[in-house]
């Protein structure tokens, strides 16, 4: 069990640059295995409070090829954690204290599409982003180091945003 405290901080203008630096390292390490790399999660939404951990989504053609990414990412200090309860993605983490989370998913797959839709909606709906920040602060205060409860506490909000994003797209 992870006993690190949950800390939500104000948006940091350095987060996009930190993503770009890491994107370059990942592209060099993985080469043609990568279709796309996206900055996702709260650190990818300007102005949004977040845990100070850069979320990166690496898109591949097929998860069957993703195991070829494990060793090169390990050389970049990423620790492979498997699916960690989320089918359709492989999860890696980096840093102590944690600095990066990396998700490998199929471009166009459910995990990929959902993360991009959530990010796009929050970027274009600042009131919803503020509500999300408020919820994250409340959950961090309530659950302190219970990462499972913190994550589960965000689930209904995330599903509602994804529903709204889908309606806005007309799907």
N, C-alpha and C. Protein backbone atom coordinates (compact mmCIF):
# COMPACT_ATOMS: atom_id res chain seq x y z
N UNK A 1 0.84 -1.20 0.00
CA UNK A 1 0.00 0.00 0.00
C UNK A 1 0.87 1.24 0.00
N UNK A 2 0.47 2.24 -0.72
CA UNK A 2 1.21 3.49 -0.86
C UNK A 2 0.84 4.42 0.30
N UNK A 3 1.81 4.76 1.14
CA UNK A 3 1.53 5.60 2.31
C UNK A 3 1.88 7.07 2.09
N UNK A 4 2.30 7.40 0.87
CA UNK A 4 2.61 8.80 0.58
C UNK A 4 1.37 9.65 0.74
N UNK A 5 1.51 10.85 1.31
CA UNK A 5 0.33 11.73 1.42
C UNK A 5 -0.11 12.23 0.04
N UNK A 6 -1.39 12.45 -0.09
CA UNK A 6 -1.96 13.01 -1.32
C UNK A 6 -1.86 14.52 -1.20
N UNK A 7 -1.16 15.12 -2.15
CA UNK A 7 -0.96 16.57 -2.13
C UNK A 7 -1.46 17.14 -3.45
N UNK A 8 -2.37 18.08 -3.37
CA UNK A 8 -2.88 18.78 -4.55
C UNK A 8 -2.37 20.22 -4.45
N UNK A 9 -1.69 20.67 -5.51
CA UNK A 9 -1.07 21.99 -5.50
C UNK A 9 -1.67 22.86 -6.61
N UNK A 10 -1.43 24.16 -6.52
CA UNK A 10 -1.85 25.07 -7.58
C UNK A 10 -1.12 24.75 -8.87
N UNK A 11 -1.72 25.12 -9.99
CA UNK A 11 -1.12 24.88 -11.30
C UNK A 11 0.28 25.49 -11.36
N UNK A 12 1.19 24.76 -11.98
CA UNK A 12 2.57 25.21 -12.14
C UNK A 12 2.85 25.42 -13.63
N UNK A 13 3.23 26.62 -13.99
CA UNK A 13 3.49 26.96 -15.40
C UNK A 13 4.62 26.11 -16.00
N UNK A 14 5.41 25.44 -15.17
CA UNK A 14 6.52 24.61 -15.67
C UNK A 14 6.04 23.24 -16.17
N UNK A 15 4.83 22.83 -15.81
CA UNK A 15 4.38 21.49 -16.17
C UNK A 15 4.42 21.20 -17.67
N UNK A 16 3.97 22.09 -18.54
CA UNK A 16 4.07 21.78 -19.98
C UNK A 16 5.51 21.58 -20.45
N UNK A 17 6.44 22.37 -19.94
CA UNK A 17 7.85 22.20 -20.32
C UNK A 17 8.41 20.89 -19.80
N UNK A 18 8.04 20.53 -18.59
CA UNK A 18 8.49 19.25 -18.04
C UNK A 18 7.97 18.09 -18.88
N UNK A 19 6.72 18.21 -19.35
CA UNK A 19 6.19 17.19 -20.25
C UNK A 19 7.00 17.12 -21.53
N UNK A 20 7.27 18.26 -22.16
CA UNK A 20 8.00 18.27 -23.43
C UNK A 20 9.38 17.67 -23.29
N UNK A 21 10.06 17.96 -22.19
CA UNK A 21 11.39 17.37 -21.96
C UNK A 21 11.30 15.85 -21.88
N UNK A 22 10.31 15.36 -21.15
CA UNK A 22 10.15 13.92 -21.00
C UNK A 22 9.68 13.28 -22.30
N UNK A 23 8.84 13.97 -23.04
CA UNK A 23 8.38 13.47 -24.33
C UNK A 23 9.57 13.18 -25.24
N UNK A 24 10.53 14.09 -25.28
CA UNK A 24 11.72 13.91 -26.11
C UNK A 24 12.49 12.67 -25.69
N UNK A 25 12.67 12.48 -24.38
CA UNK A 25 13.39 11.30 -23.89
C UNK A 25 12.67 10.01 -24.29
N UNK A 26 11.35 10.03 -24.14
CA UNK A 26 10.56 8.83 -24.46
C UNK A 26 10.61 8.53 -25.95
N UNK A 27 10.48 9.56 -26.78
CA UNK A 27 10.55 9.36 -28.23
C UNK A 27 11.89 8.75 -28.64
N UNK A 28 12.98 9.24 -28.04
CA UNK A 28 14.31 8.69 -28.33
C UNK A 28 14.42 7.24 -27.89
N UNK A 29 13.87 6.93 -26.72
CA UNK A 29 13.98 5.58 -26.17
C UNK A 29 13.12 4.57 -26.91
N UNK A 30 11.94 4.98 -27.36
CA UNK A 30 10.99 4.03 -27.94
C UNK A 30 10.95 4.05 -29.46
N UNK A 31 11.43 5.13 -30.07
CA UNK A 31 11.49 5.20 -31.52
C UNK A 31 10.19 4.86 -32.20
N UNK A 32 10.24 3.95 -33.19
CA UNK A 32 9.06 3.66 -34.01
C UNK A 32 7.94 2.91 -33.29
N UNK A 33 8.16 2.50 -32.06
CA UNK A 33 7.07 1.86 -31.31
C UNK A 33 5.97 2.86 -30.98
N UNK A 34 6.32 4.15 -30.97
CA UNK A 34 5.40 5.21 -30.56
C UNK A 34 4.64 5.77 -31.76
N UNK A 35 3.33 5.83 -31.63
CA UNK A 35 2.49 6.52 -32.62
C UNK A 35 2.32 7.99 -32.23
N UNK A 36 1.99 8.22 -30.95
CA UNK A 36 1.78 9.58 -30.44
C UNK A 36 2.09 9.60 -28.96
N UNK A 37 2.43 10.78 -28.46
CA UNK A 37 2.61 10.98 -27.03
C UNK A 37 1.80 12.21 -26.64
N UNK A 38 0.99 12.07 -25.60
CA UNK A 38 0.12 13.15 -25.16
C UNK A 38 0.34 13.46 -23.69
N UNK A 39 0.26 14.74 -23.36
CA UNK A 39 0.26 15.20 -21.97
C UNK A 39 -1.20 15.14 -21.53
N UNK A 40 -1.50 14.32 -20.53
CA UNK A 40 -2.87 14.14 -20.06
C UNK A 40 -2.92 14.39 -18.56
N UNK A 41 -4.10 14.20 -18.00
CA UNK A 41 -4.26 14.43 -16.57
C UNK A 41 -4.35 15.92 -16.26
N UNK A 42 -4.44 16.21 -15.00
CA UNK A 42 -4.67 17.59 -14.56
C UNK A 42 -3.52 18.53 -14.87
N UNK A 43 -2.28 18.02 -14.90
CA UNK A 43 -1.16 18.91 -15.21
C UNK A 43 -1.19 19.37 -16.67
N UNK A 44 -2.05 18.76 -17.48
CA UNK A 44 -2.19 19.14 -18.89
C UNK A 44 -3.30 20.17 -19.11
N UNK A 45 -3.93 20.61 -18.03
CA UNK A 45 -5.03 21.57 -18.15
C UNK A 45 -4.58 22.89 -17.51
N UNK A 46 -4.29 23.91 -18.32
CA UNK A 46 -3.81 25.18 -17.77
C UNK A 46 -4.72 25.71 -16.66
N UNK A 47 -4.09 26.06 -15.54
CA UNK A 47 -4.80 26.64 -14.42
C UNK A 47 -5.39 25.64 -13.43
N UNK A 48 -5.36 24.35 -13.75
CA UNK A 48 -6.00 23.35 -12.90
C UNK A 48 -5.06 22.87 -11.80
N UNK A 49 -5.52 22.91 -10.56
CA UNK A 49 -4.77 22.35 -9.44
C UNK A 49 -4.60 20.85 -9.67
N UNK A 50 -3.48 20.32 -9.18
CA UNK A 50 -3.18 18.92 -9.45
C UNK A 50 -2.18 18.37 -8.46
N UNK A 51 -2.11 17.05 -8.41
CA UNK A 51 -0.96 16.44 -7.78
C UNK A 51 0.22 16.81 -8.69
N UNK A 52 1.39 17.11 -8.15
CA UNK A 52 2.51 17.54 -9.00
C UNK A 52 3.21 16.35 -9.67
N UNK A 53 2.42 15.59 -10.43
CA UNK A 53 2.91 14.42 -11.15
C UNK A 53 2.48 14.57 -12.61
N UNK A 54 3.44 14.56 -13.52
CA UNK A 54 3.15 14.71 -14.95
C UNK A 54 2.60 13.38 -15.48
N UNK A 55 1.38 13.42 -16.03
CA UNK A 55 0.79 12.23 -16.65
C UNK A 55 1.07 12.26 -18.15
N UNK A 56 1.62 11.15 -18.63
CA UNK A 56 1.98 11.02 -20.04
C UNK A 56 1.29 9.79 -20.60
N UNK A 57 0.69 9.95 -21.77
CA UNK A 57 0.06 8.82 -22.45
C UNK A 57 0.80 8.56 -23.74
N UNK A 58 1.33 7.36 -23.85
CA UNK A 58 2.07 6.93 -25.03
C UNK A 58 1.14 6.05 -25.85
N UNK A 59 0.89 6.47 -27.07
CA UNK A 59 0.02 5.71 -27.96
C UNK A 59 0.81 4.76 -28.83
N UNK A 60 0.36 3.50 -28.85
CA UNK A 60 0.97 2.47 -29.68
C UNK A 60 -0.10 1.90 -30.61
N UNK A 61 0.34 1.23 -31.66
CA UNK A 61 -0.60 0.61 -32.59
C UNK A 61 -1.37 -0.53 -31.93
N UNK A 62 -0.66 -1.32 -31.11
CA UNK A 62 -1.27 -2.47 -30.47
C UNK A 62 -0.60 -2.73 -29.12
N UNK A 63 -1.41 -3.05 -28.12
CA UNK A 63 -0.83 -3.39 -26.82
C UNK A 63 0.01 -4.64 -26.89
N UNK A 64 -0.19 -5.47 -27.91
CA UNK A 64 0.65 -6.67 -28.07
C UNK A 64 2.11 -6.27 -28.28
N UNK A 65 2.35 -5.10 -28.81
CA UNK A 65 3.71 -4.60 -29.02
C UNK A 65 4.26 -3.86 -27.80
N UNK A 66 3.39 -3.53 -26.86
CA UNK A 66 3.77 -2.65 -25.75
C UNK A 66 4.83 -3.26 -24.84
N UNK A 67 4.89 -4.59 -24.75
CA UNK A 67 5.91 -5.19 -23.88
C UNK A 67 7.33 -4.85 -24.35
N UNK A 68 7.46 -4.48 -25.60
CA UNK A 68 8.78 -4.07 -26.12
C UNK A 68 9.18 -2.69 -25.58
N UNK A 69 8.26 -1.98 -24.94
CA UNK A 69 8.54 -0.66 -24.37
C UNK A 69 9.08 -0.75 -22.94
N UNK A 70 8.87 -1.88 -22.28
CA UNK A 70 9.19 -1.99 -20.85
C UNK A 70 10.67 -1.75 -20.57
N UNK A 71 11.54 -2.44 -21.27
CA UNK A 71 12.98 -2.31 -21.02
C UNK A 71 13.51 -0.91 -21.33
N UNK A 72 13.19 -0.33 -22.50
CA UNK A 72 13.69 1.02 -22.77
C UNK A 72 13.17 2.06 -21.76
N UNK A 73 11.92 1.91 -21.32
CA UNK A 73 11.40 2.84 -20.33
C UNK A 73 12.08 2.62 -18.98
N UNK A 74 12.43 1.40 -18.67
CA UNK A 74 13.18 1.10 -17.46
C UNK A 74 14.53 1.83 -17.44
N UNK A 75 15.15 1.96 -18.60
CA UNK A 75 16.42 2.70 -18.69
C UNK A 75 16.23 4.19 -18.43
N UNK A 76 14.98 4.67 -18.55
CA UNK A 76 14.65 6.07 -18.23
C UNK A 76 14.13 6.19 -16.80
N UNK A 77 14.30 5.13 -16.02
CA UNK A 77 13.89 5.08 -14.60
C UNK A 77 12.40 4.92 -14.38
N UNK A 78 11.68 4.44 -15.40
CA UNK A 78 10.26 4.14 -15.22
C UNK A 78 10.11 2.73 -14.65
N UNK A 79 9.29 2.61 -13.63
CA UNK A 79 9.00 1.32 -13.02
C UNK A 79 7.70 0.78 -13.61
N UNK A 80 7.78 -0.39 -14.20
CA UNK A 80 6.62 -1.02 -14.82
C UNK A 80 5.71 -1.62 -13.74
N UNK A 81 4.42 -1.33 -13.83
CA UNK A 81 3.47 -1.81 -12.81
C UNK A 81 2.35 -2.69 -13.40
N UNK A 82 2.35 -2.91 -14.71
CA UNK A 82 1.30 -3.72 -15.33
C UNK A 82 0.05 -2.91 -15.58
N UNK A 83 -1.09 -3.60 -15.64
CA UNK A 83 -2.36 -2.92 -15.89
C UNK A 83 -2.87 -2.19 -14.66
N UNK A 84 -2.54 -2.64 -13.49
CA UNK A 84 -2.99 -2.07 -12.21
C UNK A 84 -4.51 -1.85 -12.23
N UNK A 85 -5.22 -2.90 -12.61
CA UNK A 85 -6.67 -2.85 -12.55
C UNK A 85 -7.36 -2.09 -13.67
N UNK A 86 -6.62 -1.65 -14.67
CA UNK A 86 -7.23 -0.91 -15.78
C UNK A 86 -6.89 -1.64 -17.09
N UNK A 87 -7.80 -2.50 -17.53
CA UNK A 87 -7.55 -3.20 -18.80
C UNK A 87 -7.39 -2.20 -19.95
N UNK A 88 -6.52 -2.52 -20.87
CA UNK A 88 -6.34 -1.66 -22.04
C UNK A 88 -5.25 -0.62 -21.90
N UNK A 89 -4.47 -0.71 -20.81
CA UNK A 89 -3.34 0.20 -20.67
C UNK A 89 -2.27 -0.48 -19.81
N UNK A 90 -1.04 -0.08 -20.03
CA UNK A 90 0.07 -0.48 -19.17
C UNK A 90 0.52 0.75 -18.42
N UNK A 91 0.87 0.59 -17.16
CA UNK A 91 1.18 1.73 -16.29
C UNK A 91 2.62 1.66 -15.81
N UNK A 92 3.27 2.83 -15.80
CA UNK A 92 4.63 3.00 -15.31
C UNK A 92 4.65 4.22 -14.39
N UNK A 93 5.57 4.21 -13.46
CA UNK A 93 5.75 5.39 -12.61
C UNK A 93 7.23 5.69 -12.48
N UNK A 94 7.52 6.95 -12.15
CA UNK A 94 8.91 7.40 -12.09
C UNK A 94 9.06 8.38 -10.94
N UNK A 95 10.20 8.30 -10.26
CA UNK A 95 10.55 9.28 -9.25
C UNK A 95 10.19 8.89 -7.84
N UNK A 96 10.99 9.37 -6.90
CA UNK A 96 10.72 9.20 -5.48
C UNK A 96 11.21 10.47 -4.79
N UNK A 97 10.34 11.45 -4.52
CA UNK A 97 8.87 11.36 -4.68
C UNK A 97 8.49 11.29 -6.16
N UNK A 98 7.30 10.78 -6.39
CA UNK A 98 6.80 10.54 -7.74
C UNK A 98 6.79 11.82 -8.56
N UNK A 99 7.31 11.72 -9.79
CA UNK A 99 7.33 12.87 -10.69
C UNK A 99 6.52 12.64 -11.96
N UNK A 100 6.42 11.38 -12.39
CA UNK A 100 5.74 11.07 -13.65
C UNK A 100 4.93 9.78 -13.53
N UNK A 101 3.79 9.78 -14.20
CA UNK A 101 3.02 8.57 -14.45
C UNK A 101 2.96 8.43 -15.97
N UNK A 102 3.17 7.22 -16.46
CA UNK A 102 3.14 6.98 -17.90
C UNK A 102 2.17 5.85 -18.18
N UNK A 103 1.30 6.07 -19.13
CA UNK A 103 0.29 5.10 -19.53
C UNK A 103 0.53 4.75 -21.00
N UNK A 104 0.62 3.46 -21.29
CA UNK A 104 0.69 3.03 -22.69
C UNK A 104 -0.67 2.47 -23.06
N UNK A 105 -1.21 2.97 -24.16
CA UNK A 105 -2.53 2.54 -24.63
C UNK A 105 -2.55 2.55 -26.15
N UNK A 106 -3.50 1.83 -26.70
CA UNK A 106 -3.66 1.82 -28.15
C UNK A 106 -4.29 3.13 -28.60
N UNK A 107 -3.68 3.75 -29.60
CA UNK A 107 -4.26 4.95 -30.19
C UNK A 107 -5.64 4.59 -30.72
N UNK A 108 -6.64 5.37 -30.32
CA UNK A 108 -8.01 5.11 -30.75
C UNK A 108 -8.78 4.17 -29.85
N UNK A 109 -8.09 3.55 -28.88
CA UNK A 109 -8.77 2.66 -27.95
C UNK A 109 -9.55 3.45 -26.91
N UNK A 110 -10.34 2.74 -26.12
CA UNK A 110 -11.21 3.39 -25.14
C UNK A 110 -10.42 4.23 -24.13
N UNK A 111 -9.33 3.70 -23.61
CA UNK A 111 -8.53 4.45 -22.64
C UNK A 111 -7.98 5.72 -23.27
N UNK A 112 -7.45 5.60 -24.48
CA UNK A 112 -6.87 6.74 -25.22
C UNK A 112 -7.93 7.82 -25.45
N UNK A 113 -9.03 7.43 -26.03
CA UNK A 113 -10.09 8.38 -26.39
C UNK A 113 -10.66 9.06 -25.15
N UNK A 114 -10.89 8.29 -24.10
CA UNK A 114 -11.45 8.86 -22.87
C UNK A 114 -10.55 9.90 -22.24
N UNK A 115 -9.25 9.62 -22.18
CA UNK A 115 -8.33 10.59 -21.58
C UNK A 115 -8.25 11.89 -22.38
N UNK A 116 -8.23 11.76 -23.69
CA UNK A 116 -8.18 12.97 -24.52
C UNK A 116 -9.48 13.76 -24.44
N UNK A 117 -10.61 13.07 -24.36
CA UNK A 117 -11.91 13.75 -24.25
C UNK A 117 -12.01 14.49 -22.91
N UNK A 118 -11.57 13.85 -21.84
CA UNK A 118 -11.61 14.48 -20.51
C UNK A 118 -10.74 15.73 -20.49
N UNK A 119 -9.52 15.61 -21.01
CA UNK A 119 -8.61 16.77 -21.06
C UNK A 119 -9.21 17.90 -21.89
N UNK A 120 -9.74 17.58 -23.06
CA UNK A 120 -10.30 18.60 -23.94
C UNK A 120 -11.48 19.31 -23.28
N UNK A 121 -12.33 18.54 -22.60
CA UNK A 121 -13.49 19.15 -21.96
C UNK A 121 -13.06 20.11 -20.86
N UNK A 122 -12.13 19.69 -20.02
CA UNK A 122 -11.68 20.58 -18.95
C UNK A 122 -10.98 21.82 -19.49
N UNK A 123 -10.25 21.67 -20.58
CA UNK A 123 -9.56 22.83 -21.18
C UNK A 123 -10.56 23.85 -21.71
N UNK A 124 -11.71 23.40 -22.16
CA UNK A 124 -12.68 24.31 -22.78
C UNK A 124 -13.84 24.68 -21.86
N UNK A 125 -13.86 24.14 -20.65
CA UNK A 125 -14.92 24.42 -19.68
C UNK A 125 -14.28 24.76 -18.33
N UNK A 126 -13.81 26.00 -18.17
CA UNK A 126 -13.08 26.38 -16.96
C UNK A 126 -13.89 26.22 -15.67
N UNK A 127 -15.20 26.41 -15.72
CA UNK A 127 -16.01 26.22 -14.51
C UNK A 127 -15.95 24.76 -14.06
N UNK A 128 -16.04 23.84 -15.01
CA UNK A 128 -15.95 22.41 -14.68
C UNK A 128 -14.56 22.09 -14.13
N UNK A 129 -13.53 22.69 -14.70
CA UNK A 129 -12.17 22.48 -14.19
C UNK A 129 -12.05 22.98 -12.75
N UNK A 130 -12.68 24.12 -12.45
CA UNK A 130 -12.65 24.64 -11.07
C UNK A 130 -13.38 23.69 -10.11
N UNK A 131 -14.51 23.13 -10.56
CA UNK A 131 -15.25 22.17 -9.75
C UNK A 131 -14.39 20.93 -9.48
N UNK A 132 -13.67 20.50 -10.49
CA UNK A 132 -12.80 19.33 -10.36
C UNK A 132 -11.67 19.62 -9.36
N UNK A 133 -11.09 20.80 -9.44
CA UNK A 133 -10.03 21.18 -8.50
C UNK A 133 -10.57 21.19 -7.07
N UNK A 134 -11.75 21.74 -6.90
CA UNK A 134 -12.36 21.78 -5.56
C UNK A 134 -12.57 20.36 -5.03
N UNK A 135 -13.07 19.48 -5.87
CA UNK A 135 -13.29 18.08 -5.47
C UNK A 135 -11.96 17.43 -5.08
N UNK A 136 -10.94 17.64 -5.87
CA UNK A 136 -9.64 17.02 -5.57
C UNK A 136 -9.07 17.51 -4.25
N UNK A 137 -9.21 18.79 -3.97
CA UNK A 137 -8.75 19.33 -2.68
C UNK A 137 -9.52 18.68 -1.53
N UNK A 138 -10.84 18.59 -1.68
CA UNK A 138 -11.68 17.98 -0.63
C UNK A 138 -11.30 16.52 -0.40
N UNK A 139 -11.08 15.78 -1.48
CA UNK A 139 -10.73 14.37 -1.35
C UNK A 139 -9.34 14.20 -0.73
N UNK A 140 -8.40 15.04 -1.13
CA UNK A 140 -7.05 14.96 -0.55
C UNK A 140 -7.11 15.25 0.95
N UNK A 141 -7.91 16.23 1.35
CA UNK A 141 -8.06 16.55 2.78
C UNK A 141 -8.74 15.40 3.53
N UNK A 142 -9.73 14.78 2.91
CA UNK A 142 -10.48 13.71 3.56
C UNK A 142 -9.70 12.41 3.66
N UNK A 143 -8.96 12.08 2.62
CA UNK A 143 -8.36 10.76 2.56
C UNK A 143 -6.85 10.74 2.80
N UNK A 144 -6.22 11.87 2.86
CA UNK A 144 -4.81 12.07 3.21
C UNK A 144 -3.82 11.16 2.48
N UNK A 145 -3.84 9.85 2.73
CA UNK A 145 -2.91 8.92 2.08
C UNK A 145 -3.63 7.69 1.54
N UNK A 146 -4.95 7.74 1.47
CA UNK A 146 -5.71 6.61 0.94
C UNK A 146 -5.95 6.86 -0.55
N UNK A 147 -4.99 6.42 -1.34
CA UNK A 147 -5.01 6.68 -2.77
C UNK A 147 -6.20 6.02 -3.46
N UNK A 148 -6.59 4.85 -2.99
CA UNK A 148 -7.74 4.16 -3.59
C UNK A 148 -9.00 4.98 -3.37
N UNK A 149 -9.23 5.44 -2.16
CA UNK A 149 -10.42 6.24 -1.87
C UNK A 149 -10.40 7.56 -2.63
N UNK A 150 -9.22 8.18 -2.72
CA UNK A 150 -9.07 9.43 -3.47
C UNK A 150 -9.48 9.21 -4.93
N UNK A 151 -8.95 8.17 -5.53
CA UNK A 151 -9.25 7.87 -6.94
C UNK A 151 -10.72 7.53 -7.12
N UNK A 152 -11.26 6.69 -6.26
CA UNK A 152 -12.67 6.32 -6.36
C UNK A 152 -13.57 7.54 -6.15
N UNK A 153 -13.15 8.48 -5.31
CA UNK A 153 -13.92 9.68 -5.05
C UNK A 153 -14.05 10.58 -6.26
N UNK A 154 -13.13 10.46 -7.21
CA UNK A 154 -13.18 11.25 -8.43
C UNK A 154 -13.99 10.59 -9.53
N UNK A 155 -14.27 9.31 -9.39
CA UNK A 155 -14.85 8.51 -10.48
C UNK A 155 -16.17 9.06 -11.02
N UNK A 156 -17.11 9.36 -10.14
CA UNK A 156 -18.42 9.84 -10.61
C UNK A 156 -18.27 11.16 -11.37
N UNK A 157 -17.41 12.04 -10.88
CA UNK A 157 -17.19 13.32 -11.56
C UNK A 157 -16.61 13.08 -12.96
N UNK A 158 -15.61 12.22 -13.04
CA UNK A 158 -14.97 11.94 -14.33
C UNK A 158 -15.97 11.34 -15.31
N UNK A 159 -16.77 10.39 -14.84
CA UNK A 159 -17.78 9.79 -15.72
C UNK A 159 -18.79 10.82 -16.21
N UNK A 160 -19.18 11.75 -15.34
CA UNK A 160 -20.10 12.80 -15.75
C UNK A 160 -19.47 13.71 -16.80
N UNK A 161 -18.20 14.06 -16.63
CA UNK A 161 -17.51 14.90 -17.62
C UNK A 161 -17.42 14.15 -18.95
N UNK A 162 -17.11 12.87 -18.91
CA UNK A 162 -17.02 12.09 -20.15
C UNK A 162 -18.39 12.01 -20.83
N UNK A 163 -19.47 11.91 -20.05
CA UNK A 163 -20.82 11.91 -20.62
C UNK A 163 -21.09 13.24 -21.32
N UNK A 164 -20.75 14.34 -20.64
CA UNK A 164 -20.96 15.67 -21.25
C UNK A 164 -20.12 15.84 -22.51
N UNK A 165 -18.88 15.36 -22.46
CA UNK A 165 -18.00 15.47 -23.64
C UNK A 165 -18.58 14.69 -24.80
N UNK A 166 -19.11 13.51 -24.52
CA UNK A 166 -19.72 12.70 -25.56
C UNK A 166 -20.95 13.38 -26.16
N UNK A 167 -21.78 13.97 -25.29
CA UNK A 167 -22.96 14.70 -25.77
C UNK A 167 -22.55 15.90 -26.62
N UNK A 168 -21.52 16.59 -26.19
CA UNK A 168 -21.06 17.78 -26.92
C UNK A 168 -20.57 17.39 -28.32
N UNK A 169 -20.00 16.19 -28.43
CA UNK A 169 -19.54 15.71 -29.74
C UNK A 169 -20.67 15.14 -30.57
N UNK A 170 -21.81 14.89 -29.90
CA UNK A 170 -22.94 14.33 -30.61
C UNK A 170 -22.85 12.83 -30.81
N UNK A 171 -22.10 12.15 -29.90
CA UNK A 171 -21.99 10.70 -30.03
C UNK A 171 -22.75 10.00 -28.93
